[in-house]
Protein backbone atom coordinates (compact mmCIF):
# COMPACT_ATOMS: atom_id res chain seq x y z
CA GLY A 1 -3.48 1.35 14.20
CA ILE A 2 -0.26 -0.20 13.01
CA ASP A 3 1.50 -1.12 9.79
CA VAL A 4 3.50 -4.31 9.56
CA SER A 5 5.75 -6.19 7.18
CA HIS A 6 8.32 -8.99 7.14
CA TYR A 7 10.64 -6.61 8.99
CA ASP A 8 8.47 -7.13 12.08
CA GLY A 9 8.79 -10.92 12.02
CA ALA A 10 6.11 -13.16 13.52
CA ILE A 11 3.37 -11.19 15.25
CA ASN A 12 1.07 -12.31 18.05
CA TRP A 13 -2.11 -10.72 16.74
CA ARG A 14 -4.15 -11.47 19.87
CA THR A 15 -1.61 -9.46 21.87
CA VAL A 16 -1.84 -6.65 19.31
CA LYS A 17 -5.63 -6.65 19.61
CA VAL A 18 -5.65 -6.25 23.40
CA SER A 19 -2.70 -3.83 23.52
CA GLY A 20 -4.73 -0.87 22.32
CA HIS A 21 -2.67 -0.62 19.12
CA GLY A 22 -4.81 -3.11 17.25
CA SER A 23 -7.78 -0.99 16.26
CA PHE A 24 -6.69 -1.65 12.66
CA ALA A 25 -3.63 -2.76 10.72
CA TYR A 26 -2.11 -2.20 7.32
CA ILE A 27 -0.16 -5.23 6.16
CA LYS A 28 2.52 -5.09 3.51
CA ALA A 29 1.66 -7.32 0.58
CA GLN A 30 4.23 -6.28 -1.96
CA ASP A 31 7.25 -4.10 -2.77
CA GLY A 32 7.48 -2.91 -6.36
CA GLU A 33 6.57 -5.12 -9.27
CA HIS A 34 7.00 -8.64 -7.93
CA THR A 35 8.61 -8.67 -4.48
CA TYR A 36 5.98 -10.23 -2.26
CA ASP A 37 6.14 -9.81 1.50
CA SER A 38 6.97 -13.18 3.02
CA TYR A 39 4.72 -12.52 6.04
CA PHE A 40 1.66 -11.26 4.15
CA THR A 41 -0.31 -14.50 4.39
CA ALA A 42 0.58 -15.11 8.05
CA ASN A 43 -0.19 -11.51 8.99
CA ARG A 44 -3.53 -11.28 7.20
CA THR A 45 -4.61 -14.66 8.58
CA GLY A 46 -3.51 -13.72 12.10
CA ALA A 47 -5.13 -10.29 12.01
CA SER A 48 -8.41 -11.74 10.76
CA ALA A 49 -8.41 -14.50 13.41
CA ALA A 50 -7.78 -11.93 16.15
CA GLY A 51 -10.54 -9.64 14.89
CA VAL A 52 -8.20 -6.85 13.79
CA PRO A 53 -9.56 -5.04 10.71
CA TRP A 54 -6.82 -4.87 8.10
CA GLY A 55 -5.93 -3.59 4.69
CA PRO A 56 -3.06 -4.39 2.32
CA TYR A 57 -0.36 -2.03 1.14
CA LEU A 58 2.16 -1.88 -1.67
CA PHE A 59 5.49 -0.09 -1.33
CA PHE A 60 5.52 1.77 -4.64
CA ARG A 61 8.65 1.91 -6.79
CA PRO A 62 8.22 4.73 -9.34
CA TYR A 63 10.46 3.43 -12.14
CA SER A 64 8.19 4.31 -15.08
CA VAL A 65 4.55 4.42 -16.18
CA PHE A 66 5.01 0.91 -17.59
CA SER A 67 6.32 -0.35 -14.23
CA ALA A 68 3.52 1.44 -12.37
CA LYS A 69 0.96 -0.50 -14.39
CA ILE A 70 2.75 -3.78 -13.69
CA GLN A 71 2.72 -2.91 -9.97
CA ALA A 72 -1.01 -2.10 -10.03
CA THR A 73 -1.88 -5.36 -11.78
CA SER A 74 0.42 -7.48 -9.63
CA PHE A 75 -0.78 -5.85 -6.38
CA TRP A 76 -4.41 -6.46 -7.31
CA ASP A 77 -3.66 -10.07 -8.23
CA THR A 78 -1.94 -10.51 -4.85
CA ILE A 79 -4.72 -9.04 -2.69
CA LYS A 80 -8.00 -9.88 -4.42
CA GLY A 81 -10.02 -12.38 -2.46
CA THR A 82 -7.89 -12.11 0.68
CA GLY A 83 -10.65 -10.70 2.90
CA TYR A 84 -9.29 -7.24 3.63
CA SER A 85 -11.77 -4.73 5.07
CA LEU A 86 -9.77 -1.49 4.79
CA THR A 87 -9.08 0.34 1.54
CA PRO A 88 -5.81 -0.78 -0.09
CA VAL A 89 -2.89 1.62 0.24
CA VAL A 90 -0.08 2.64 -2.08
CA ASP A 91 2.92 3.72 0.01
CA VAL A 92 4.98 6.24 -1.96
CA GLU A 93 8.07 7.52 -0.18
CA VAL A 94 11.00 7.20 -2.59
CA TYR A 95 12.25 8.31 -5.97
CA GLU A 96 13.70 5.69 -8.27
CA ASN A 97 15.94 6.34 -11.29
CA ALA A 98 16.36 10.04 -10.35
CA HIS A 99 12.73 10.77 -11.17
CA THR A 100 11.42 14.31 -11.27
CA SER A 101 8.22 15.30 -9.49
CA VAL A 102 6.42 15.35 -12.85
CA GLU A 103 7.54 11.79 -13.63
CA LEU A 104 6.68 10.63 -10.12
CA ARG A 105 3.16 12.04 -10.41
CA ALA A 106 2.69 10.44 -13.84
CA ASP A 107 3.82 7.05 -12.51
CA LEU A 108 1.62 7.30 -9.43
CA GLN A 109 -1.37 8.42 -11.51
CA ALA A 110 -0.90 5.46 -13.86
CA PHE A 111 -0.81 3.12 -10.85
CA CYS A 112 -3.91 4.67 -9.27
CA ASP A 113 -5.92 4.72 -12.50
CA LEU A 114 -5.26 1.08 -13.32
CA PHE A 115 -5.69 -0.10 -9.73
CA GLN A 116 -9.07 1.64 -9.57
CA GLN A 117 -10.07 0.11 -12.89
CA LEU A 118 -9.14 -3.38 -11.67
CA SER A 119 -10.46 -3.17 -8.10
CA GLY A 120 -13.27 -0.63 -8.32
CA VAL A 121 -11.76 1.54 -5.55
CA LYS A 122 -9.29 4.39 -5.36
CA PRO A 123 -6.29 3.43 -3.27
CA VAL A 124 -5.32 5.51 -0.27
CA ILE A 125 -1.97 7.25 -0.89
CA TYR A 126 0.36 6.98 2.10
CA THR A 127 3.43 9.19 2.30
CA TYR A 128 4.90 11.90 4.51
CA THR A 129 4.22 15.64 4.64
CA SER A 130 7.42 16.95 3.06
CA PHE A 131 7.15 14.41 0.22
CA ILE A 132 3.61 15.67 -0.49
CA THR A 133 4.84 19.27 -0.54
CA GLU A 134 8.01 18.62 -2.58
CA ASN A 135 6.07 16.77 -5.27
CA ALA A 136 2.81 18.76 -5.33
CA LEU A 137 0.88 15.59 -4.54
CA ALA A 138 -1.93 17.32 -2.63
CA SER A 139 -3.09 19.33 -5.63
CA HIS A 140 -2.53 16.59 -8.20
CA PHE A 141 -4.21 13.86 -6.12
CA SER A 142 -6.92 15.96 -4.48
CA GLY A 143 -9.52 13.25 -5.17
CA TYR A 144 -7.59 10.71 -3.11
CA LYS A 145 -7.17 10.17 0.61
CA LEU A 146 -3.60 11.17 1.44
């Protein structure tokens, strides 16, 4: 599968489907609290029309627990009713405001808890191996797909 965002520009989803890379796609919907991906609508519409199963993702900005809750609510408002078939993803790869691992985990937990309450599903947590290790995410988020 692939992940796409506005950085990829316009995508020919039929070409993606036949290329062998289009078994599924994750499409960026949002970055932080209110920065919406300008290609989200075009990408989700194109993926659906080409028969590529897709799910939305949010690039998480761990500023605070308060911000995490705004991001969860805003992300849900952005994606509900859009026809996704894959579990929504929270992409956590950065520290903001010189956060500690403890603060990062608290922010991410607040996001996940509220998102699950709103949507009825636990988001998938996307990150990279060293970030998981550095921040003890595997043990803290053992009930989530990482």
